[in-house]
Amino acid sequence: MISRNITIKNSVGLHARPATFFIQKANSYKSSIWVEKDDRRVNAKSLLGVLSLGITKDMTITLIADGVDEVDALNGIEDLVTNGFND
């Protein structure tokens, strides 16, 4: 199990369209992946879970992955966030 903090930089945070890209990316990996904000942890493969965190611009979240491709999963999701969700 590994974890990494990332800061959301796009203007709308993880709302609707970016959250959809986020969970699609998470679902492309075999590992279990979670998003943690404050004291809440949700499944990164669940759109409703991710949206329920209310993640906005400049918030720092923790990504946690556990599984055979955990390193690739965190790297891939971090790349997606860093590159502005393909905008």
PDB file of N, CA and C in Angstrom:
ATOM      1  N   MET A   1       0.848  -1.182   0.000  1.00  0.00           N
ATOM      2  CA  MET A   1       0.000   0.000   0.000  1.00  0.00           C
ATOM      3  C   MET A   1       0.890   1.240   0.000  1.00  0.00           C
ATOM      4  N   ILE A   2       0.564   2.157  -0.894  1.00  0.00           N
ATOM      5  CA  ILE A   2       1.317   3.416  -0.967  1.00  0.00           C
ATOM      6  C   ILE A   2       0.335   4.579  -0.999  1.00  0.00           C
ATOM      7  N   SER A   3       0.828   5.751  -0.631  1.00  0.00           N
ATOM      8  CA  SER A   3      -0.023   6.938  -0.684  1.00  0.00           C
ATOM      9  C   SER A   3       0.793   8.130  -1.159  1.00  0.00           C
ATOM     10  N   ARG A   4       0.070   9.137  -1.624  1.00  0.00           N
ATOM     11  CA  ARG A   4       0.722  10.343  -2.152  1.00  0.00           C
ATOM     12  C   ARG A   4      -0.259  11.506  -2.043  1.00  0.00           C
ATOM     13  N   ASN A   5       0.248  12.654  -1.637  1.00  0.00           N
ATOM     14  CA  ASN A   5      -0.562  13.872  -1.598  1.00  0.00           C
ATOM     15  C   ASN A   5      -0.433  14.597  -2.924  1.00  0.00           C
ATOM     16  N   ILE A   6      -1.563  15.050  -3.450  1.00  0.00           N
ATOM     17  CA  ILE A   6      -1.548  15.857  -4.671  1.00  0.00           C
ATOM     18  C   ILE A   6      -2.481  17.047  -4.475  1.00  0.00           C
ATOM     19  N   THR A   7      -2.171  18.135  -5.139  1.00  0.00           N
ATOM     20  CA  THR A   7      -2.988  19.342  -5.063  1.00  0.00           C
ATOM     21  C   THR A   7      -3.733  19.519  -6.378  1.00  0.00           C
ATOM     22  N   ILE A   8      -5.014  19.750  -6.272  1.00  0.00           N
ATOM     23  CA  ILE A   8      -5.868  19.938  -7.442  1.00  0.00           C
ATOM     24  C   ILE A   8      -5.701  21.368  -7.933  1.00  0.00           C
ATOM     25  N   LYS A   9      -5.301  21.529  -9.188  1.00  0.00           N
ATOM     26  CA  LYS A   9      -4.994  22.866  -9.719  1.00  0.00           C
ATOM     27  C   LYS A   9      -5.988  23.369 -10.758  1.00  0.00           C
ATOM     28  N   ASN A  10      -6.838  22.497 -11.317  1.00  0.00           N
ATOM     29  CA  ASN A  10      -7.755  22.992 -12.343  1.00  0.00           C
ATOM     30  C   ASN A  10      -8.836  23.870 -11.721  1.00  0.00           C
ATOM     31  N   SER A  11      -9.445  24.724 -12.502  1.00  0.00           N
ATOM     32  CA  SER A  11     -10.318  25.781 -11.985  1.00  0.00           C
ATOM     33  C   SER A  11     -11.586  25.287 -11.301  1.00  0.00           C
ATOM     34  N   VAL A  12     -12.115  24.141 -11.690  1.00  0.00           N
ATOM     35  CA  VAL A  12     -13.366  23.660 -11.087  1.00  0.00           C
ATOM     36  C   VAL A  12     -13.162  22.538 -10.078  1.00  0.00           C
ATOM     37  N   GLY A  13     -11.932  22.152  -9.833  1.00  0.00           N
ATOM     38  CA  GLY A  13     -11.678  21.062  -8.898  1.00  0.00           C
ATOM     39  C   GLY A  13     -12.142  19.734  -9.473  1.00  0.00           C
ATOM     40  N   LEU A  14     -12.549  18.825  -8.600  1.00  0.00           N
ATOM     41  CA  LEU A  14     -13.040  17.517  -9.055  1.00  0.00           C
ATOM     42  C   LEU A  14     -14.559  17.547  -9.088  1.00  0.00           C
ATOM     43  N   HIS A  15     -15.080  18.286 -10.067  1.00  0.00           N
ATOM     44  CA  HIS A  15     -16.515  18.400 -10.223  1.00  0.00           C
ATOM     45  C   HIS A  15     -16.893  17.870 -11.601  1.00  0.00           C
ATOM     46  N   ALA A  16     -17.979  17.177 -11.706  1.00  0.00           N
ATOM     47  CA  ALA A  16     -18.573  16.642 -12.928  1.00  0.00           C
ATOM     48  C   ALA A  16     -17.568  16.088 -13.947  1.00  0.00           C
ATOM     49  N   ARG A  17     -17.210  16.868 -14.947  1.00  0.00           N
ATOM     50  CA  ARG A  17     -16.365  16.368 -16.039  1.00  0.00           C
ATOM     51  C   ARG A  17     -14.989  15.908 -15.566  1.00  0.00           C
ATOM     52  N   PRO A  18     -14.232  16.712 -14.793  1.00  0.00           N
ATOM     53  CA  PRO A  18     -12.928  16.241 -14.332  1.00  0.00           C
ATOM     54  C   PRO A  18     -13.040  15.004 -13.433  1.00  0.00           C
ATOM     55  N   ALA A  19     -14.084  14.939 -12.635  1.00  0.00           N
ATOM     56  CA  ALA A  19     -14.267  13.772 -11.763  1.00  0.00           C
ATOM     57  C   ALA A  19     -14.527  12.521 -12.589  1.00  0.00           C
ATOM     58  N   THR A  20     -15.223  12.675 -13.704  1.00  0.00           N
ATOM     59  CA  THR A  20     -15.461  11.544 -14.598  1.00  0.00           C
ATOM     60  C   THR A  20     -14.145  11.035 -15.173  1.00  0.00           C
ATOM     61  N   PHE A  21     -13.286  11.939 -15.631  1.00  0.00           N
ATOM     62  CA  PHE A  21     -11.966  11.533 -16.124  1.00  0.00           C
ATOM     63  C   PHE A  21     -11.161  10.855 -15.015  1.00  0.00           C
ATOM     64  N   PHE A  22     -11.261  11.405 -13.808  1.00  0.00           N
ATOM     65  CA  PHE A  22     -10.536  10.881 -12.652  1.00  0.00           C
ATOM     66  C   PHE A  22     -10.944   9.436 -12.359  1.00  0.00           C
ATOM     67  N   ILE A  23     -12.248   9.162 -12.296  1.00  0.00           N
ATOM     68  CA  ILE A  23     -12.672   7.803 -11.967  1.00  0.00           C
ATOM     69  C   ILE A  23     -12.437   6.836 -13.134  1.00  0.00           C
ATOM     70  N   GLN A  24     -12.528   7.336 -14.368  1.00  0.00           N
ATOM     71  CA  GLN A  24     -12.206   6.471 -15.508  1.00  0.00           C
ATOM     72  C   GLN A  24     -10.747   6.037 -15.448  1.00  0.00           C
ATOM     73  N   LYS A  25      -9.871   6.971 -15.086  1.00  0.00           N
ATOM     74  CA  LYS A  25      -8.451   6.650 -14.947  1.00  0.00           C
ATOM     75  C   LYS A  25      -8.255   5.644 -13.813  1.00  0.00           C
ATOM     76  N   ALA A  26      -8.889   5.888 -12.676  1.00  0.00           N
ATOM     77  CA  ALA A  26      -8.774   4.981 -11.533  1.00  0.00           C
ATOM     78  C   ALA A  26      -9.268   3.574 -11.899  1.00  0.00           C
ATOM     79  N   ASN A  27     -10.349   3.508 -12.663  1.00  0.00           N
ATOM     80  CA  ASN A  27     -10.904   2.212 -13.066  1.00  0.00           C
ATOM     81  C   ASN A  27     -10.042   1.469 -14.072  1.00  0.00           C
ATOM     82  N   SER A  28      -9.061   2.134 -14.642  1.00  0.00           N
ATOM     83  CA  SER A  28      -8.186   1.464 -15.608  1.00  0.00           C
ATOM     84  C   SER A  28      -7.094   0.637 -14.915  1.00  0.00           C
ATOM     85  N   TYR A  29      -7.048   0.687 -13.583  1.00  0.00           N
ATOM     86  CA  TYR A  29      -6.051  -0.062 -12.818  1.00  0.00           C
ATOM     87  C   TYR A  29      -6.707  -1.162 -12.000  1.00  0.00           C
ATOM     88  N   LYS A  30      -5.955  -2.215 -11.746  1.00  0.00           N
ATOM     89  CA  LYS A  30      -6.451  -3.343 -10.960  1.00  0.00           C
ATOM     90  C   LYS A  30      -6.442  -3.056  -9.468  1.00  0.00           C
ATOM     91  N   SER A  31      -5.540  -2.198  -9.027  1.00  0.00           N
ATOM     92  CA  SER A  31      -5.395  -1.899  -7.601  1.00  0.00           C
ATOM     93  C   SER A  31      -6.648  -1.242  -7.032  1.00  0.00           C
ATOM     94  N   SER A  32      -6.827  -1.411  -5.735  1.00  0.00           N
ATOM     95  CA  SER A  32      -7.835  -0.635  -5.012  1.00  0.00           C
ATOM     96  C   SER A  32      -7.260   0.759  -4.806  1.00  0.00           C
ATOM     97  N   ILE A  33      -8.077   1.776  -5.075  1.00  0.00           N
ATOM     98  CA  ILE A  33      -7.599   3.159  -4.979  1.00  0.00           C
ATOM     99  C   ILE A  33      -8.621   3.964  -4.186  1.00  0.00           C
ATOM    100  N   TRP A  34      -8.130   4.762  -3.253  1.00  0.00           N
ATOM    101  CA  TRP A  34      -8.985   5.614  -2.441  1.00  0.00           C
ATOM    102  C   TRP A  34      -8.521   7.058  -2.526  1.00  0.00           C
ATOM    103  N   VAL A  35      -9.455   7.958  -2.290  1.00  0.00           N
ATOM    104  CA  VAL A  35      -9.166   9.383  -2.180  1.00  0.00           C
ATOM    105  C   VAL A  35      -9.527   9.781  -0.755  1.00  0.00           C
ATOM    106  N   GLU A  36      -8.606  10.475  -0.111  1.00  0.00           N
ATOM    107  CA  GLU A  36      -8.836  10.905   1.260  1.00  0.00           C
ATOM    108  C   GLU A  36      -8.741  12.422   1.340  1.00  0.00           C
ATOM    109  N   LYS A  37      -9.741  13.029   1.972  1.00  0.00           N
ATOM    110  CA  LYS A  37      -9.741  14.473   2.209  1.00  0.00           C
ATOM    111  C   LYS A  37     -10.247  14.681   3.627  1.00  0.00           C
ATOM    112  N   ASP A  38      -9.459  15.397   4.400  1.00  0.00           N
ATOM    113  CA  ASP A  38      -9.765  15.587   5.815  1.00  0.00           C
ATOM    114  C   ASP A  38      -9.867  14.205   6.472  1.00  0.00           C
ATOM    115  N   ASP A  39     -10.998  13.884   7.064  1.00  0.00           N
ATOM    116  CA  ASP A  39     -11.132  12.597   7.735  1.00  0.00           C
ATOM    117  C   ASP A  39     -12.010  11.620   6.958  1.00  0.00           C
ATOM    118  N   ARG A  40     -12.261  11.911   5.686  1.00  0.00           N
ATOM    119  CA  ARG A  40     -13.111  11.039   4.861  1.00  0.00           C
ATOM    120  C   ARG A  40     -12.298  10.337   3.795  1.00  0.00           C
ATOM    121  N   ARG A  41     -12.605   9.076   3.586  1.00  0.00           N
ATOM    122  CA  ARG A  41     -11.959   8.279   2.550  1.00  0.00           C
ATOM    123  C   ARG A  41     -13.043   7.651   1.689  1.00  0.00           C
ATOM    124  N   VAL A  42     -12.896   7.809   0.347  1.00  0.00           N
ATOM    125  CA  VAL A  42     -13.865   7.228  -0.579  1.00  0.00           C
ATOM    126  C   VAL A  42     -13.126   6.436  -1.655  1.00  0.00           C
ATOM    127  N   ASN A  43     -13.865   5.554  -2.283  1.00  0.00           N
ATOM    128  CA  ASN A  43     -13.339   4.758  -3.386  1.00  0.00           C
ATOM    129  C   ASN A  43     -13.129   5.680  -4.586  1.00  0.00           C
ATOM    130  N   ALA A  44     -11.917   5.697  -5.109  1.00  0.00           N
ATOM    131  CA  ALA A  44     -11.598   6.565  -6.250  1.00  0.00           C
ATOM    132  C   ALA A  44     -12.263   6.091  -7.537  1.00  0.00           C
ATOM    133  N   LYS A  45     -12.854   4.911  -7.513  1.00  0.00           N
ATOM    134  CA  LYS A  45     -13.526   4.372  -8.688  1.00  0.00           C
ATOM    135  C   LYS A  45     -15.027   4.651  -8.666  1.00  0.00           C
ATOM    136  N   SER A  46     -15.469   5.423  -7.670  1.00  0.00           N
ATOM    137  CA  SER A  46     -16.885   5.751  -7.506  1.00  0.00           C
ATOM    138  C   SER A  46     -17.109   7.237  -7.775  1.00  0.00           C
ATOM    139  N   LEU A  47     -17.882   7.542  -8.815  1.00  0.00           N
ATOM    140  CA  LEU A  47     -18.158   8.939  -9.142  1.00  0.00           C
ATOM    141  C   LEU A  47     -18.864   9.650  -7.986  1.00  0.00           C
ATOM    142  N   LEU A  48     -19.886   9.037  -7.431  1.00  0.00           N
ATOM    143  CA  LEU A  48     -20.605   9.673  -6.327  1.00  0.00           C
ATOM    144  C   LEU A  48     -19.701   9.869  -5.117  1.00  0.00           C
ATOM    145  N   GLY A  49     -18.831   8.905  -4.854  1.00  0.00           N
ATOM    146  CA  GLY A  49     -17.907   9.037  -3.736  1.00  0.00           C
ATOM    147  C   GLY A  49     -16.967  10.213  -3.915  1.00  0.00           C
ATOM    148  N   VAL A  50     -16.376  10.316  -5.100  1.00  0.00           N
ATOM    149  CA  VAL A  50     -15.435  11.400  -5.379  1.00  0.00           C
ATOM    150  C   VAL A  50     -16.149  12.750  -5.338  1.00  0.00           C
ATOM    151  N   LEU A  51     -17.324  12.835  -5.952  1.00  0.00           N
ATOM    152  CA  LEU A  51     -18.070  14.097  -5.949  1.00  0.00           C
ATOM    153  C   LEU A  51     -18.474  14.496  -4.532  1.00  0.00           C
ATOM    154  N   SER A  52     -18.757  13.516  -3.680  1.00  0.00           N
ATOM    155  CA  SER A  52     -19.223  13.818  -2.319  1.00  0.00           C
ATOM    156  C   SER A  52     -18.157  14.502  -1.464  1.00  0.00           C
ATOM    157  N   LEU A  53     -16.896  14.425  -1.885  1.00  0.00           N
ATOM    158  CA  LEU A  53     -15.831  15.074  -1.123  1.00  0.00           C
ATOM    159  C   LEU A  53     -15.781  16.584  -1.342  1.00  0.00           C
ATOM    160  N   GLY A  54     -16.411  17.062  -2.389  1.00  0.00           N
ATOM    161  CA  GLY A  54     -16.436  18.511  -2.646  1.00  0.00           C
ATOM    162  C   GLY A  54     -15.050  19.101  -2.849  1.00  0.00           C
ATOM    163  N   ILE A  55     -14.247  18.452  -3.654  1.00  0.00           N
ATOM    164  CA  ILE A  55     -12.857  18.879  -3.862  1.00  0.00           C
ATOM    165  C   ILE A  55     -12.825  20.052  -4.841  1.00  0.00           C
ATOM    166  N   THR A  56     -12.262  21.160  -4.380  1.00  0.00           N
ATOM    167  CA  THR A  56     -12.177  22.363  -5.196  1.00  0.00           C
ATOM    168  C   THR A  56     -10.718  22.702  -5.506  1.00  0.00           C
ATOM    169  N   LYS A  57     -10.539  23.729  -6.316  1.00  0.00           N
ATOM    170  CA  LYS A  57      -9.196  24.167  -6.714  1.00  0.00           C
ATOM    171  C   LYS A  57      -8.323  24.440  -5.481  1.00  0.00           C
ATOM    172  N   ASP A  58      -7.067  24.043  -5.586  1.00  0.00           N
ATOM    173  CA  ASP A  58      -6.032  24.247  -4.573  1.00  0.00           C
ATOM    174  C   ASP A  58      -6.183  23.385  -3.326  1.00  0.00           C
ATOM    175  N   MET A  59      -7.121  22.456  -3.318  1.00  0.00           N
ATOM    176  CA  MET A  59      -7.214  21.516  -2.197  1.00  0.00           C
ATOM    177  C   MET A  59      -6.186  20.408  -2.387  1.00  0.00           C
ATOM    178  N   THR A  60      -5.629  19.956  -1.277  1.00  0.00           N
ATOM    179  CA  THR A  60      -4.710  18.825  -1.319  1.00  0.00           C
ATOM    180  C   THR A  60      -5.452  17.588  -0.840  1.00  0.00           C
ATOM    181  N   ILE A  61      -5.354  16.528  -1.645  1.00  0.00           N
ATOM    182  CA  ILE A  61      -5.982  15.257  -1.312  1.00  0.00           C
ATOM    183  C   ILE A  61      -4.889  14.201  -1.202  1.00  0.00           C
ATOM    184  N   THR A  62      -5.222  13.102  -0.572  1.00  0.00           N
ATOM    185  CA  THR A  62      -4.305  11.975  -0.488  1.00  0.00           C
ATOM    186  C   THR A  62      -4.860  10.848  -1.333  1.00  0.00           C
ATOM    187  N   LEU A  63      -4.039  10.332  -2.222  1.00  0.00           N
ATOM    188  CA  LEU A  63      -4.383   9.146  -3.000  1.00  0.00           C
ATOM    189  C   LEU A  63      -3.730   7.953  -2.333  1.00  0.00           C
ATOM    190  N   ILE A  64      -4.472   6.870  -2.202  1.00  0.00           N
ATOM    191  CA  ILE A  64      -3.962   5.648  -1.595  1.00  0.00           C
ATOM    192  C   ILE A  64      -4.251   4.514  -2.565  1.00  0.00           C
ATOM    193  N   ALA A  65      -3.244   3.702  -2.841  1.00  0.00           N
ATOM    194  CA  ALA A  65      -3.427   2.565  -3.748  1.00  0.00           C
ATOM    195  C   ALA A  65      -2.838   1.310  -3.121  1.00  0.00           C
ATOM    196  N   ASP A  66      -3.505   0.194  -3.382  1.00  0.00           N
ATOM    197  CA  ASP A  66      -3.054  -1.087  -2.866  1.00  0.00           C
ATOM    198  C   ASP A  66      -3.329  -2.147  -3.917  1.00  0.00           C
ATOM    199  N   GLY A  67      -2.267  -2.752  -4.436  1.00  0.00           N
ATOM    200  CA  GLY A  67      -2.448  -3.800  -5.429  1.00  0.00           C
ATOM    201  C   GLY A  67      -1.238  -3.945  -6.327  1.00  0.00           C
ATOM    202  N   VAL A  68      -1.390  -4.764  -7.331  1.00  0.00           N
ATOM    203  CA  VAL A  68      -0.265  -5.135  -8.197  1.00  0.00           C
ATOM    204  C   VAL A  68       0.271  -3.971  -9.023  1.00  0.00           C
ATOM    205  N   ASP A  69      -0.579  -3.013  -9.345  1.00  0.00           N
ATOM    206  CA  ASP A  69      -0.139  -1.873 -10.158  1.00  0.00           C
ATOM    207  C   ASP A  69      -0.286  -0.552  -9.400  1.00  0.00           C
ATOM    208  N   GLU A  70      -0.091  -0.598  -8.092  1.00  0.00           N
ATOM    209  CA  GLU A  70      -0.316   0.589  -7.249  1.00  0.00           C
ATOM    210  C   GLU A  70       0.559   1.778  -7.626  1.00  0.00           C
ATOM    211  N   VAL A  71       1.810   1.538  -7.959  1.00  0.00           N
ATOM    212  CA  VAL A  71       2.706   2.641  -8.332  1.00  0.00           C
ATOM    213  C   VAL A  71       2.237   3.264  -9.653  1.00  0.00           C
ATOM    214  N   ASP A  72       1.940   2.410 -10.630  1.00  0.00           N
ATOM    215  CA  ASP A  72       1.440   2.911 -11.917  1.00  0.00           C
ATOM    216  C   ASP A  72       0.131   3.683 -11.737  1.00  0.00           C
ATOM    217  N   ALA A  73      -0.730   3.196 -10.842  1.00  0.00           N
ATOM    218  CA  ALA A  73      -2.017   3.845 -10.600  1.00  0.00           C
ATOM    219  C   ALA A  73      -1.824   5.268 -10.070  1.00  0.00           C
ATOM    220  N   LEU A  74      -0.996   5.414  -9.053  1.00  0.00           N
ATOM    221  CA  LEU A  74      -0.789   6.755  -8.492  1.00  0.00           C
ATOM    222  C   LEU A  74      -0.082   7.665  -9.483  1.00  0.00           C
ATOM    223  N   ASN A  75       0.876   7.126 -10.223  1.00  0.00           N
ATOM    224  CA  ASN A  75       1.558   7.939 -11.242  1.00  0.00           C
ATOM    225  C   ASN A  75       0.582   8.385 -12.326  1.00  0.00           C
ATOM    226  N   GLY A  76      -0.265   7.490 -12.780  1.00  0.00           N
ATOM    227  CA  GLY A  76      -1.225   7.811 -13.833  1.00  0.00           C
ATOM    228  C   GLY A  76      -2.240   8.844 -13.411  1.00  0.00           C
ATOM    229  N   ILE A  77      -2.757   8.697 -12.191  1.00  0.00           N
ATOM    230  CA  ILE A  77      -3.741   9.660 -11.695  1.00  0.00           C
ATOM    231  C   ILE A  77      -3.080  11.013 -11.448  1.00  0.00           C
ATOM    232  N   GLU A  78      -1.881  10.992 -10.907  1.00  0.00           N
ATOM    233  CA  GLU A  78      -1.172  12.258 -10.688  1.00  0.00           C
ATOM    234  C   GLU A  78      -0.900  12.963 -12.017  1.00  0.00           C
ATOM    235  N   ASP A  79      -0.513  12.216 -13.046  1.00  0.00           N
ATOM    236  CA  ASP A  79      -0.306  12.812 -14.376  1.00  0.00           C
ATOM    237  C   ASP A  79      -1.588  13.453 -14.901  1.00  0.00           C
ATOM    238  N   LEU A  80      -2.707  12.766 -14.729  1.00  0.00           N
ATOM    239  CA  LEU A  80      -3.998  13.295 -15.172  1.00  0.00           C
ATOM    240  C   LEU A  80      -4.297  14.626 -14.479  1.00  0.00           C
ATOM    241  N   VAL A  81      -4.104  14.670 -13.167  1.00  0.00           N
ATOM    242  CA  VAL A  81      -4.382  15.883 -12.391  1.00  0.00           C
ATOM    243  C   VAL A  81      -3.401  17.000 -12.779  1.00  0.00           C
ATOM    244  N   THR A  82      -2.138  16.658 -12.915  1.00  0.00           N
ATOM    245  CA  THR A  82      -1.107  17.642 -13.258  1.00  0.00           C
ATOM    246  C   THR A  82      -1.328  18.246 -14.637  1.00  0.00           C
ATOM    247  N   ASN A  83      -1.834  17.450 -15.559  1.00  0.00           N
ATOM    248  CA  ASN A  83      -2.058  17.924 -16.919  1.00  0.00           C
ATOM    249  C   ASN A  83      -3.438  18.554 -17.125  1.00  0.00           C
ATOM    250  N   GLY A  84      -4.122  18.880 -16.045  1.00  0.00           N
ATOM    251  CA  GLY A  84      -5.381  19.615 -16.143  1.00  0.00           C
ATOM    252  C   GLY A  84      -6.544  18.816 -16.662  1.00  0.00           C
ATOM    253  N   PHE A  85      -6.539  17.500 -16.442  1.00  0.00           N
ATOM    254  CA  PHE A  85      -7.660  16.639 -16.841  1.00  0.00           C
ATOM    255  C   PHE A  85      -7.929  16.693 -18.336  1.00  0.00           C
ATOM    256  N   ASN A  86      -6.846  16.721 -19.091  1.00  0.00           N
ATOM    257  CA  ASN A  86      -6.929  16.690 -20.556  1.00  0.00           C
ATOM    258  C   ASN A  86      -7.627  17.890 -21.168  1.00  0.00           C
ATOM    259  N   ASP A  87      -7.656  18.993 -20.455  1.00  0.00           N
ATOM    260  CA  ASP A  87      -8.276  20.208 -21.020  1.00  0.00           C
ATOM    261  C   ASP A  87      -7.369  20.869 -22.018  1.00  0.00           C
TER     262      ASP A  87
END
